[in-house]
Amino acid sequence: LVFKAVQTYSNKEVVRWIEEQQEGQEEPETPAPVLELAAAEGDA
């Protein structure tokens, strides 16, 4: 699951962590947080 995040600083600066990783490419400068999902409990 991809969660796009926006971080705001006290000096009003805003950093947008919204870039999605593209297969075969380098990691983007401001990547979006990604939650890796494990196999269903029944399978394990």
PDB file of all heavy atoms in Angstrom:
ATOM      1  N   LEU A   1       0.852  -1.184   0.000  1.00  0.00           N
ATOM      2  CA  LEU A   1       0.000   0.000   0.000  1.00  0.00           C
ATOM      3  C   LEU A   1       0.888   1.234   0.000  1.00  0.00           C
ATOM      4  O   LEU A   1       1.881   1.295   0.731  1.00  0.00           O
ATOM      5  CB  LEU A   1      -0.901   0.016   1.235  1.00  0.00           C
ATOM      6  CG  LEU A   1      -1.983  -1.066   1.327  1.00  0.00           C
ATOM      7  CD1 LEU A   1      -2.744  -0.936   2.646  1.00  0.00           C
ATOM      8  CD2 LEU A   1      -2.947  -0.986   0.150  1.00  0.00           C
ATOM      9  N   VAL A   2       0.529   2.214  -0.814  1.00  0.00           N
ATOM     10  CA  VAL A   2       1.303   3.459  -0.928  1.00  0.00           C
ATOM     11  C   VAL A   2       0.549   4.567  -0.208  1.00  0.00           C
ATOM     12  O   VAL A   2      -0.636   4.806  -0.470  1.00  0.00           O
ATOM     13  CB  VAL A   2       1.534   3.839  -2.403  1.00  0.00           C
ATOM     14  CG1 VAL A   2       2.305   5.151  -2.494  1.00  0.00           C
ATOM     15  CG2 VAL A   2       2.285   2.725  -3.127  1.00  0.00           C
ATOM     16  N   PHE A   3       1.235   5.240   0.716  1.00  0.00           N
ATOM     17  CA  PHE A   3       0.659   6.354   1.460  1.00  0.00           C
ATOM     18  C   PHE A   3       1.434   7.629   1.102  1.00  0.00           C
ATOM     19  O   PHE A   3       2.615   7.747   1.434  1.00  0.00           O
ATOM     20  CB  PHE A   3       0.760   6.108   2.975  1.00  0.00           C
ATOM     21  CG  PHE A   3       0.031   4.891   3.446  1.00  0.00           C
ATOM     22  CD1 PHE A   3       0.646   3.644   3.431  1.00  0.00           C
ATOM     23  CD2 PHE A   3      -1.265   4.982   3.921  1.00  0.00           C
ATOM     24  CE1 PHE A   3      -0.019   2.519   3.877  1.00  0.00           C
ATOM     25  CE2 PHE A   3      -1.942   3.852   4.370  1.00  0.00           C
ATOM     26  CZ  PHE A   3      -1.317   2.616   4.341  1.00  0.00           C
ATOM     27  N   LYS A   4       0.781   8.551   0.435  1.00  0.00           N
ATOM     28  CA  LYS A   4       1.455   9.797   0.083  1.00  0.00           C
ATOM     29  C   LYS A   4       1.361  10.772   1.255  1.00  0.00           C
ATOM     30  O   LYS A   4       0.280  10.990   1.809  1.00  0.00           O
ATOM     31  CB  LYS A   4       0.838  10.389  -1.180  1.00  0.00           C
ATOM     32  CG  LYS A   4       1.021   9.475  -2.391  1.00  0.00           C
ATOM     33  CD  LYS A   4       0.503  10.093  -3.674  1.00  0.00           C
ATOM     34  CE  LYS A   4       0.773   9.168  -4.855  1.00  0.00           C
ATOM     35  NZ  LYS A   4       0.328   9.760  -6.137  1.00  0.00           N
ATOM     36  N   ALA A   5       2.510  11.331   1.645  1.00  0.00           N
ATOM     37  CA  ALA A   5       2.574  12.171   2.842  1.00  0.00           C
ATOM     38  C   ALA A   5       3.087  13.570   2.509  1.00  0.00           C
ATOM     39  O   ALA A   5       3.859  13.760   1.564  1.00  0.00           O
ATOM     40  CB  ALA A   5       3.477  11.521   3.886  1.00  0.00           C
ATOM     41  N   VAL A   6       2.643  14.522   3.325  1.00  0.00           N
ATOM     42  CA  VAL A   6       3.074  15.916   3.180  1.00  0.00           C
ATOM     43  C   VAL A   6       3.579  16.396   4.534  1.00  0.00           C
ATOM     44  O   VAL A   6       2.848  16.344   5.535  1.00  0.00           O
ATOM     45  CB  VAL A   6       1.915  16.814   2.690  1.00  0.00           C
ATOM     46  CG1 VAL A   6       2.396  18.264   2.559  1.00  0.00           C
ATOM     47  CG2 VAL A   6       1.377  16.312   1.354  1.00  0.00           C
ATOM     48  N   GLN A   7       4.813  16.855   4.577  1.00  0.00           N
ATOM     49  CA  GLN A   7       5.468  17.299   5.809  1.00  0.00           C
ATOM     50  C   GLN A   7       5.633  18.818   5.777  1.00  0.00           C
ATOM     51  O   GLN A   7       6.172  19.374   4.818  1.00  0.00           O
ATOM     52  CB  GLN A   7       6.838  16.626   5.937  1.00  0.00           C
ATOM     53  CG  GLN A   7       7.607  16.941   7.194  1.00  0.00           C
ATOM     54  CD  GLN A   7       8.929  16.185   7.248  1.00  0.00           C
ATOM     55  OE1 GLN A   7       9.362  15.595   6.264  1.00  0.00           O
ATOM     56  NE2 GLN A   7       9.570  16.204   8.398  1.00  0.00           N
ATOM     57  N   THR A   8       5.158  19.488   6.835  1.00  0.00           N
ATOM     58  CA  THR A   8       5.234  20.949   6.899  1.00  0.00           C
ATOM     59  C   THR A   8       6.125  21.372   8.061  1.00  0.00           C
ATOM     60  O   THR A   8       6.014  20.832   9.171  1.00  0.00           O
ATOM     61  CB  THR A   8       3.831  21.564   7.067  1.00  0.00           C
ATOM     62  OG1 THR A   8       2.996  21.133   5.988  1.00  0.00           O
ATOM     63  CG2 THR A   8       3.901  23.083   7.067  1.00  0.00           C
ATOM     64  N   TYR A   9       6.986  22.355   7.796  1.00  0.00           N
ATOM     65  CA  TYR A   9       7.915  22.866   8.804  1.00  0.00           C
ATOM     66  C   TYR A   9       7.428  24.194   9.379  1.00  0.00           C
ATOM     67  O   TYR A   9       6.548  24.860   8.811  1.00  0.00           O
ATOM     68  CB  TYR A   9       9.307  23.044   8.190  1.00  0.00           C
ATOM     69  CG  TYR A   9      10.029  21.733   7.933  1.00  0.00           C
ATOM     70  CD1 TYR A   9       9.905  21.075   6.716  1.00  0.00           C
ATOM     71  CD2 TYR A   9      10.838  21.151   8.908  1.00  0.00           C
ATOM     72  CE1 TYR A   9      10.564  19.875   6.474  1.00  0.00           C
ATOM     73  CE2 TYR A   9      11.499  19.956   8.683  1.00  0.00           C
ATOM     74  CZ  TYR A   9      11.363  19.326   7.462  1.00  0.00           C
ATOM     75  OH  TYR A   9      12.012  18.143   7.239  1.00  0.00           O
ATOM     76  N   SER A  10       8.034  24.562  10.497  1.00  0.00           N
ATOM     77  CA  SER A  10       7.653  25.798  11.183  1.00  0.00           C
ATOM     78  C   SER A  10       7.972  27.042  10.361  1.00  0.00           C
ATOM     79  O   SER A  10       7.394  28.107  10.601  1.00  0.00           O
ATOM     80  CB  SER A  10       8.353  25.879  12.545  1.00  0.00           C
ATOM     81  OG  SER A  10       9.769  25.784  12.389  1.00  0.00           O
ATOM     82  N   ASN A  11       8.889  26.938   9.397  1.00  0.00           N
ATOM     83  CA  ASN A  11       9.207  28.079   8.522  1.00  0.00           C
ATOM     84  C   ASN A  11       8.342  28.088   7.264  1.00  0.00           C
ATOM     85  O   ASN A  11       8.656  28.767   6.290  1.00  0.00           O
ATOM     86  CB  ASN A  11      10.680  28.068   8.145  1.00  0.00           C
ATOM     87  CG  ASN A  11      11.085  26.800   7.397  1.00  0.00           C
ATOM     88  OD1 ASN A  11      10.246  25.923   7.134  1.00  0.00           O
ATOM     89  ND2 ASN A  11      12.359  26.696   7.061  1.00  0.00           N
ATOM     90  N   LYS A  12       7.240  27.295   7.284  1.00  0.00           N
ATOM     91  CA  LYS A  12       6.257  27.198   6.198  1.00  0.00           C
ATOM     92  C   LYS A  12       6.747  26.376   5.008  1.00  0.00           C
ATOM     93  O   LYS A  12       6.044  26.267   3.992  1.00  0.00           O
ATOM     94  CB  LYS A  12       5.840  28.599   5.698  1.00  0.00           C
ATOM     95  CG  LYS A  12       5.353  29.537   6.795  1.00  0.00           C
ATOM     96  CD  LYS A  12       4.204  28.931   7.591  1.00  0.00           C
ATOM     97  CE  LYS A  12       3.737  29.890   8.689  1.00  0.00           C
ATOM     98  NZ  LYS A  12       2.675  29.268   9.539  1.00  0.00           N
ATOM     99  N   GLU A  13       7.921  25.774   5.095  1.00  0.00           N
ATOM    100  CA  GLU A  13       8.394  24.917   4.017  1.00  0.00           C
ATOM    101  C   GLU A  13       7.563  23.634   3.994  1.00  0.00           C
ATOM    102  O   GLU A  13       7.223  23.078   5.043  1.00  0.00           O
ATOM    103  CB  GLU A  13       9.869  24.572   4.211  1.00  0.00           C
ATOM    104  CG  GLU A  13      10.416  23.652   3.127  1.00  0.00           C
ATOM    105  CD  GLU A  13      11.840  23.197   3.403  1.00  0.00           C
ATOM    106  OE1 GLU A  13      12.389  23.566   4.461  1.00  0.00           O
ATOM    107  OE2 GLU A  13      12.388  22.462   2.567  1.00  0.00           O
ATOM    108  N   VAL A  14       7.251  23.168   2.790  1.00  0.00           N
ATOM    109  CA  VAL A  14       6.447  21.957   2.631  1.00  0.00           C
ATOM    110  C   VAL A  14       7.215  20.949   1.776  1.00  0.00           C
ATOM    111  O   VAL A  14       7.718  21.292   0.701  1.00  0.00           O
ATOM    112  CB  VAL A  14       5.092  22.280   1.956  1.00  0.00           C
ATOM    113  CG1 VAL A  14       4.312  20.983   1.701  1.00  0.00           C
ATOM    114  CG2 VAL A  14       4.270  23.212   2.832  1.00  0.00           C
ATOM    115  N   VAL A  15       7.324  19.731   2.273  1.00  0.00           N
ATOM    116  CA  VAL A  15       7.976  18.652   1.529  1.00  0.00           C
ATOM    117  C   VAL A  15       6.918  17.591   1.235  1.00  0.00           C
ATOM    118  O   VAL A  15       6.268  17.080   2.149  1.00  0.00           O
ATOM    119  CB  VAL A  15       9.136  18.027   2.325  1.00  0.00           C
ATOM    120  CG1 VAL A  15       9.803  16.926   1.511  1.00  0.00           C
ATOM    121  CG2 VAL A  15      10.156  19.094   2.704  1.00  0.00           C
ATOM    122  N   ARG A  16       6.757  17.253  -0.040  1.00  0.00           N
ATOM    123  CA  ARG A  16       5.729  16.310  -0.465  1.00  0.00           C
ATOM    124  C   ARG A  16       6.369  14.957  -0.768  1.00  0.00           C
ATOM    125  O   ARG A  16       7.074  14.798  -1.768  1.00  0.00           O
ATOM    126  CB  ARG A  16       4.996  16.849  -1.700  1.00  0.00           C
ATOM    127  CG  ARG A  16       4.359  18.213  -1.462  1.00  0.00           C
ATOM    128  CD  ARG A  16       3.618  18.724  -2.681  1.00  0.00           C
ATOM    129  NE  ARG A  16       3.122  20.063  -2.456  1.00  0.00           N
ATOM    130  CZ  ARG A  16       1.989  20.352  -1.809  1.00  0.00           C
ATOM    131  NH1 ARG A  16       1.229  19.355  -1.346  1.00  0.00           N
ATOM    132  NH2 ARG A  16       1.613  21.599  -1.637  1.00  0.00           N
ATOM    133  N   TRP A  17       6.113  14.007   0.110  1.00  0.00           N
ATOM    134  CA  TRP A  17       6.617  12.642  -0.068  1.00  0.00           C
ATOM    135  C   TRP A  17       5.567  11.854  -0.844  1.00  0.00           C
ATOM    136  O   TRP A  17       4.798  11.068  -0.282  1.00  0.00           O
ATOM    137  CB  TRP A  17       6.892  11.998   1.291  1.00  0.00           C
ATOM    138  CG  TRP A  17       7.858  12.784   2.126  1.00  0.00           C
ATOM    139  CD1 TRP A  17       7.549  13.698   3.089  1.00  0.00           C
ATOM    140  CD2 TRP A  17       9.280  12.736   2.069  1.00  0.00           C
ATOM    141  NE1 TRP A  17       8.687  14.223   3.634  1.00  0.00           N
ATOM    142  CE2 TRP A  17       9.776  13.647   3.023  1.00  0.00           C
ATOM    143  CE3 TRP A  17      10.185  12.005   1.311  1.00  0.00           C
ATOM    144  CZ2 TRP A  17      11.129  13.853   3.230  1.00  0.00           C
ATOM    145  CZ3 TRP A  17      11.537  12.202   1.517  1.00  0.00           C
ATOM    146  CH2 TRP A  17      11.996  13.120   2.470  1.00  0.00           C
ATOM    147  N   ILE A  18       5.540  12.053  -2.167  1.00  0.00           N
ATOM    148  CA  ILE A  18       4.438  11.522  -2.973  1.00  0.00           C
ATOM    149  C   ILE A  18       4.909  10.759  -4.208  1.00  0.00           C
ATOM    150  O   ILE A  18       4.080  10.206  -4.941  1.00  0.00           O
ATOM    151  CB  ILE A  18       3.498  12.653  -3.423  1.00  0.00           C
ATOM    152  CG1 ILE A  18       4.256  13.674  -4.272  1.00  0.00           C
ATOM    153  CG2 ILE A  18       2.872  13.346  -2.203  1.00  0.00           C
ATOM    154  CD1 ILE A  18       3.378  14.745  -4.874  1.00  0.00           C
ATOM    155  N   GLU A  19       6.203  10.683  -4.447  1.00  0.00           N
ATOM    156  CA  GLU A  19       6.699  10.019  -5.653  1.00  0.00           C
ATOM    157  C   GLU A  19       6.696   8.500  -5.468  1.00  0.00           C
ATOM    158  O   GLU A  19       7.204   7.990  -4.473  1.00  0.00           O
ATOM    159  CB  GLU A  19       8.109  10.490  -5.996  1.00  0.00           C
ATOM    160  CG  GLU A  19       8.196  11.968  -6.349  1.00  0.00           C
ATOM    161  CD  GLU A  19       9.610  12.372  -6.718  1.00  0.00           C
ATOM    162  OE1 GLU A  19       9.966  12.274  -7.908  1.00  0.00           O
ATOM    163  OE2 GLU A  19      10.363  12.763  -5.801  1.00  0.00           O
ATOM    164  N   GLU A  20       6.137   7.800  -6.441  1.00  0.00           N
ATOM    165  CA  GLU A  20       6.083   6.337  -6.380  1.00  0.00           C
ATOM    166  C   GLU A  20       7.282   5.729  -7.101  1.00  0.00           C
ATOM    167  O   GLU A  20       7.704   6.214  -8.142  1.00  0.00           O
ATOM    168  CB  GLU A  20       4.779   5.831  -6.996  1.00  0.00           C
ATOM    169  CG  GLU A  20       3.536   6.282  -6.228  1.00  0.00           C
ATOM    170  CD  GLU A  20       2.274   5.610  -6.717  1.00  0.00           C
ATOM    171  OE1 GLU A  20       2.336   4.396  -7.017  1.00  0.00           O
ATOM    172  OE2 GLU A  20       1.233   6.288  -6.809  1.00  0.00           O
ATOM    173  N   GLN A  21       7.806   4.673  -6.520  1.00  0.00           N
ATOM    174  CA  GLN A  21       8.951   3.975  -7.095  1.00  0.00           C
ATOM    175  C   GLN A  21       8.550   3.277  -8.391  1.00  0.00           C
ATOM    176  O   GLN A  21       7.567   2.542  -8.429  1.00  0.00           O
ATOM    177  CB  GLN A  21       9.488   2.943  -6.101  1.00  0.00           C
ATOM    178  CG  GLN A  21      10.630   2.105  -6.624  1.00  0.00           C
ATOM    179  CD  GLN A  21      11.920   2.890  -6.770  1.00  0.00           C
ATOM    180  OE1 GLN A  21      12.344   3.549  -5.832  1.00  0.00           O
ATOM    181  NE2 GLN A  21      12.517   2.818  -7.936  1.00  0.00           N
ATOM    182  N   GLN A  22       9.314   3.537  -9.452  1.00  0.00           N
ATOM    183  CA  GLN A  22       9.076   2.888 -10.738  1.00  0.00           C
ATOM    184  C   GLN A  22      10.036   1.724 -10.901  1.00  0.00           C
ATOM    185  O   GLN A  22      11.226   1.848 -10.592  1.00  0.00           O
ATOM    186  CB  GLN A  22       9.251   3.896 -11.880  1.00  0.00           C
ATOM    187  CG  GLN A  22       8.335   5.110 -11.796  1.00  0.00           C
ATOM    188  CD  GLN A  22       6.861   4.739 -11.833  1.00  0.00           C
ATOM    189  OE1 GLN A  22       6.460   3.843 -12.560  1.00  0.00           O
ATOM    190  NE2 GLN A  22       6.058   5.426 -11.018  1.00  0.00           N
ATOM    191  N   GLU A  23       9.516   0.608 -11.369  1.00  0.00           N
ATOM    192  CA  GLU A  23      10.329  -0.598 -11.514  1.00  0.00           C
ATOM    193  C   GLU A  23      11.501  -0.357 -12.465  1.00  0.00           C
ATOM    194  O   GLU A  23      11.340   0.201 -13.552  1.00  0.00           O
ATOM    195  CB  GLU A  23       9.472  -1.746 -12.042  1.00  0.00           C
ATOM    196  CG  GLU A  23      10.196  -3.085 -12.074  1.00  0.00           C
ATOM    197  CD  GLU A  23       9.301  -4.222 -12.495  1.00  0.00           C
ATOM    198  OE1 GLU A  23       8.089  -3.979 -12.693  1.00  0.00           O
ATOM    199  OE2 GLU A  23       9.804  -5.354 -12.615  1.00  0.00           O
ATOM    200  N   GLY A  24      12.690  -0.773 -12.016  1.00  0.00           N
ATOM    201  CA  GLY A  24      13.881  -0.650 -12.840  1.00  0.00           C
ATOM    202  C   GLY A  24      14.528   0.717 -12.804  1.00  0.00           C
ATOM    203  O   GLY A  24      15.545   0.944 -13.473  1.00  0.00           O
ATOM    204  N   GLN A  25      13.986   1.629 -12.006  1.00  0.00           N
ATOM    205  CA  GLN A  25      14.544   2.977 -11.908  1.00  0.00           C
ATOM    206  C   GLN A  25      15.067   3.243 -10.509  1.00  0.00           C
ATOM    207  O   GLN A  25      14.733   2.538  -9.555  1.00  0.00           O
ATOM    208  CB  GLN A  25      13.494   4.024 -12.290  1.00  0.00           C
ATOM    209  CG  GLN A  25      13.008   3.916 -13.728  1.00  0.00           C
ATOM    210  CD  GLN A  25      12.062   5.047 -14.107  1.00  0.00           C
ATOM    211  OE1 GLN A  25      11.945   6.035 -13.388  1.00  0.00           O
ATOM    212  NE2 GLN A  25      11.385   4.892 -15.228  1.00  0.00           N
ATOM    213  N   GLU A  26      15.902   4.288 -10.408  1.00  0.00           N
ATOM    214  CA  GLU A  26      16.457   4.658  -9.111  1.00  0.00           C
ATOM    215  C   GLU A  26      15.361   5.203  -8.200  1.00  0.00           C
ATOM    216  O   GLU A  26      14.316   5.667  -8.664  1.00  0.00           O
ATOM    217  CB  GLU A  26      17.562   5.701  -9.284  1.00  0.00           C
ATOM    218  CG  GLU A  26      18.796   5.192 -10.021  1.00  0.00           C
ATOM    219  CD  GLU A  26      19.873   6.255 -10.102  1.00  0.00           C
ATOM    220  OE1 GLU A  26      19.641   7.385  -9.619  1.00  0.00           O
ATOM    221  OE2 GLU A  26      20.950   5.950 -10.641  1.00  0.00           O
ATOM    222  N   GLU A  27      15.624   5.149  -6.914  1.00  0.00           N
ATOM    223  CA  GLU A  27      14.661   5.660  -5.952  1.00  0.00           C
ATOM    224  C   GLU A  27      14.460   7.157  -6.170  1.00  0.00           C
ATOM    225  O   GLU A  27      15.422   7.907  -6.325  1.00  0.00           O
ATOM    226  CB  GLU A  27      15.161   5.407  -4.523  1.00  0.00           C
ATOM    227  CG  GLU A  27      14.156   5.820  -3.465  1.00  0.00           C
ATOM    228  CD  GLU A  27      14.696   5.602  -2.058  1.00  0.00           C
ATOM    229  OE1 GLU A  27      15.869   5.930  -1.821  1.00  0.00           O
ATOM    230  OE2 GLU A  27      13.951   5.100  -1.208  1.00  0.00           O
ATOM    231  N   PRO A  28      13.213   7.615  -6.179  1.00  0.00           N
ATOM    232  CA  PRO A  28      12.963   9.053  -6.372  1.00  0.00           C
ATOM    233  C   PRO A  28      13.474   9.875  -5.201  1.00  0.00           C
ATOM    234  O   PRO A  28      13.745   9.348  -4.116  1.00  0.00           O
ATOM    235  CB  PRO A  28      11.432   9.125  -6.497  1.00  0.00           C
ATOM    236  CG  PRO A  28      10.928   7.893  -5.837  1.00  0.00           C
ATOM    237  CD  PRO A  28      11.964   6.842  -6.065  1.00  0.00           C
ATOM    238  N   GLU A  29      13.582  11.144  -5.400  1.00  0.00           N
ATOM    239  CA  GLU A  29      14.132  12.038  -4.377  1.00  0.00           C
ATOM    240  C   GLU A  29      13.214  12.146  -3.163  1.00  0.00           C
ATOM    241  O   GLU A  29      13.674  12.206  -2.023  1.00  0.00           O
ATOM    242  CB  GLU A  29      14.369  13.429  -4.972  1.00  0.00           C
ATOM    243  CG  GLU A  29      15.032  14.395  -4.019  1.00  0.00           C
ATOM    244  CD  GLU A  29      15.328  15.741  -4.649  1.00  0.00           C
ATOM    245  OE1 GLU A  29      15.131  15.877  -5.868  1.00  0.00           O
ATOM    246  OE2 GLU A  29      15.763  16.649  -3.916  1.00  0.00           O
ATOM    247  N   THR A  30      11.903  12.182  -3.403  1.00  0.00           N
ATOM    248  CA  THR A  30      10.944  12.272  -2.295  1.00  0.00           C
ATOM    249  C   THR A  30       9.928  11.135  -2.425  1.00  0.00           C
ATOM    250  O   THR A  30       8.775  11.345  -2.823  1.00  0.00           O
ATOM    251  CB  THR A  30      10.218  13.633  -2.308  1.00  0.00           C
ATOM    252  OG1 THR A  30       9.643  13.847  -3.619  1.00  0.00           O
ATOM    253  CG2 THR A  30      11.182  14.757  -1.988  1.00  0.00           C
ATOM    254  N   PRO A  31      10.354   9.902  -2.082  1.00  0.00           N
ATOM    255  CA  PRO A  31       9.478   8.741  -2.255  1.00  0.00           C
ATOM    256  C   PRO A  31       8.316   8.724  -1.263  1.00  0.00           C
ATOM    257  O   PRO A  31       8.450   9.176  -0.128  1.00  0.00           O
ATOM    258  CB  PRO A  31      10.416   7.562  -2.014  1.00  0.00           C
ATOM    259  CG  PRO A  31      11.457   8.111  -1.090  1.00  0.00           C
ATOM    260  CD  PRO A  31      11.661   9.528  -1.513  1.00  0.00           C
ATOM    261  N   ALA A  32       7.198   8.180  -1.705  1.00  0.00           N
ATOM    262  CA  ALA A  32       6.049   8.018  -0.830  1.00  0.00           C
ATOM    263  C   ALA A  32       6.271   6.819   0.090  1.00  0.00           C
ATOM    264  O   ALA A  32       6.899   5.837  -0.309  1.00  0.00           O
ATOM    265  CB  ALA A  32       4.784   7.813  -1.660  1.00  0.00           C
ATOM    266  N   PRO A  33       5.794   6.870   1.322  1.00  0.00           N
ATOM    267  CA  PRO A  33       5.908   5.716   2.221  1.00  0.00           C
ATOM    268  C   PRO A  33       5.150   4.516   1.648  1.00  0.00           C
ATOM    269  O   PRO A  33       4.029   4.653   1.153  1.00  0.00           O
ATOM    270  CB  PRO A  33       5.261   6.214   3.515  1.00  0.00           C
ATOM    271  CG  PRO A  33       5.334   7.708   3.442  1.00  0.00           C
ATOM    272  CD  PRO A  33       5.202   8.039   2.000  1.00  0.00           C
ATOM    273  N   VAL A  34       5.773   3.335   1.734  1.00  0.00           N
ATOM    274  CA  VAL A  34       5.184   2.108   1.187  1.00  0.00           C
ATOM    275  C   VAL A  34       5.115   1.055   2.282  1.00  0.00           C
ATOM    276  O   VAL A  34       6.123   0.764   2.934  1.00  0.00           O
ATOM    277  CB  VAL A  34       5.997   1.578  -0.011  1.00  0.00           C
ATOM    278  CG1 VAL A  34       5.404   0.257  -0.505  1.00  0.00           C
ATOM    279  CG2 VAL A  34       6.037   2.601  -1.138  1.00  0.00           C
ATOM    280  N   LEU A  35       3.928   0.476   2.469  1.00  0.00           N
ATOM    281  CA  LEU A  35       3.731  -0.600   3.443  1.00  0.00           C
ATOM    282  C   LEU A  35       3.693  -1.926   2.696  1.00  0.00           C
ATOM    283  O   LEU A  35       2.802  -2.171   1.884  1.00  0.00           O
ATOM    284  CB  LEU A  35       2.431  -0.389   4.212  1.00  0.00           C
ATOM    285  CG  LEU A  35       2.057  -1.498   5.209  1.00  0.00           C
ATOM    286  CD1 LEU A  35       3.059  -1.571   6.345  1.00  0.00           C
ATOM    287  CD2 LEU A  35       0.643  -1.278   5.741  1.00  0.00           C
ATOM    288  N   GLU A  36       4.675  -2.790   2.977  1.00  0.00           N
ATOM    289  CA  GLU A  36       4.721  -4.111   2.360  1.00  0.00           C
ATOM    290  C   GLU A  36       3.797  -5.057   3.127  1.00  0.00           C
ATOM    291  O   GLU A  36       3.819  -5.098   4.356  1.00  0.00           O
ATOM    292  CB  GLU A  36       6.147  -4.662   2.368  1.00  0.00           C
ATOM    293  CG  GLU A  36       7.155  -3.799   1.611  1.00  0.00           C
ATOM    294  CD  GLU A  36       6.921  -3.792   0.114  1.00  0.00           C
ATOM    295  OE1 GLU A  36       6.221  -4.715  -0.373  1.00  0.00           O
ATOM    296  OE2 GLU A  36       7.428  -2.883  -0.576  1.00  0.00           O
ATOM    297  N   LEU A  37       2.980  -5.804   2.389  1.00  0.00           N
ATOM    298  CA  LEU A  37       2.020  -6.715   3.009  1.00  0.00           C
ATOM    299  C   LEU A  37       2.543  -8.146   2.979  1.00  0.00           C
ATOM    300  O   LEU A  37       3.055  -8.611   1.955  1.00  0.00           O
ATOM    301  CB  LEU A  37       0.675  -6.644   2.288  1.00  0.00           C
ATOM    302  CG  LEU A  37       0.005  -5.263   2.244  1.00  0.00           C
ATOM    303  CD1 LEU A  37      -1.336  -5.352   1.539  1.00  0.00           C
ATOM    304  CD2 LEU A  37      -0.163  -4.686   3.644  1.00  0.00           C
ATOM    305  N   ALA A  38       2.390  -8.840   4.098  1.00  0.00           N
ATOM    306  CA  ALA A  38       2.821 -10.229   4.201  1.00  0.00           C
ATOM    307  C   ALA A  38       1.695 -11.156   3.758  1.00  0.00           C
ATOM    308  O   ALA A  38       0.557 -10.727   3.557  1.00  0.00           O
ATOM    309  CB  ALA A  38       3.234 -10.545   5.633  1.00  0.00           C
ATOM    310  N   ALA A  39       2.032 -12.432   3.599  1.00  0.00           N
ATOM    311  CA  ALA A  39       1.026 -13.420   3.211  1.00  0.00           C
ATOM    312  C   ALA A  39      -0.057 -13.508   4.269  1.00  0.00           C
ATOM    313  O   ALA A  39       0.171 -13.219   5.453  1.00  0.00           O
ATOM    314  CB  ALA A  39       1.694 -14.779   3.014  1.00  0.00           C
ATOM    315  N   ALA A  40      -1.240 -13.891   3.847  1.00  0.00           N
ATOM    316  CA  ALA A  40      -2.359 -14.022   4.781  1.00  0.00           C
ATOM    317  C   ALA A  40      -2.013 -15.002   5.892  1.00  0.00           C
ATOM    318  O   ALA A  40      -1.286 -15.972   5.676  1.00  0.00           O
ATOM    319  CB  ALA A  40      -3.604 -14.474   4.035  1.00  0.00           C
ATOM    320  N   GLU A  41      -2.540 -14.764   7.074  1.00  0.00           N
ATOM    321  CA  GLU A  41      -2.225 -15.595   8.232  1.00  0.00           C
ATOM    322  C   GLU A  41      -2.567 -17.053   7.993  1.00  0.00           C
ATOM    323  O   GLU A  41      -1.874 -17.955   8.440  1.00  0.00           O
ATOM    324  CB  GLU A  41      -2.979 -15.081   9.470  1.00  0.00           C
ATOM    325  CG  GLU A  41      -2.519 -13.718   9.968  1.00  0.00           C
ATOM    326  CD  GLU A  41      -1.128 -13.758  10.546  1.00  0.00           C
ATOM    327  OE1 GLU A  41      -0.662 -14.862  10.890  1.00  0.00           O
ATOM    328  OE2 GLU A  41      -0.506 -12.700  10.663  1.00  0.00           O
ATOM    329  N   GLY A  42      -3.652 -17.351   7.267  1.00  0.00           N
ATOM    330  CA  GLY A  42      -4.048 -18.718   6.996  1.00  0.00           C
ATOM    331  C   GLY A  42      -3.008 -19.464   6.199  1.00  0.00           C
ATOM    332  O   GLY A  42      -2.787 -20.661   6.374  1.00  0.00           O
ATOM    333  N   ASP A  43      -2.311 -18.749   5.290  1.00  0.00           N
ATOM    334  CA  ASP A  43      -1.270 -19.371   4.479  1.00  0.00           C
ATOM    335  C   ASP A  43      -0.070 -19.733   5.331  1.00  0.00           C
ATOM    336  O   ASP A  43       0.597 -20.737   5.111  1.00  0.00           O
ATOM    337  CB  ASP A  43      -0.835 -18.425   3.357  1.00  0.00           C
ATOM    338  CG  ASP A  43      -1.972 -18.168   2.382  1.00  0.00           C
ATOM    339  OD1 ASP A  43      -2.921 -18.969   2.376  1.00  0.00           O
ATOM    340  OD2 ASP A  43      -1.907 -17.169   1.644  1.00  0.00           O
ATOM    341  N   ALA A  44       0.215 -18.922   6.310  1.00  0.00           N
ATOM    342  CA  ALA A  44       1.421 -19.127   7.115  1.00  0.00           C
ATOM    343  C   ALA A  44       1.200 -20.148   8.222  1.00  0.00           C
ATOM    344  O   ALA A  44       2.120 -20.814   8.658  1.00  0.00           O
ATOM    345  CB  ALA A  44       1.868 -17.797   7.720  1.00  0.00           C
TER     346      ALA A  44
END
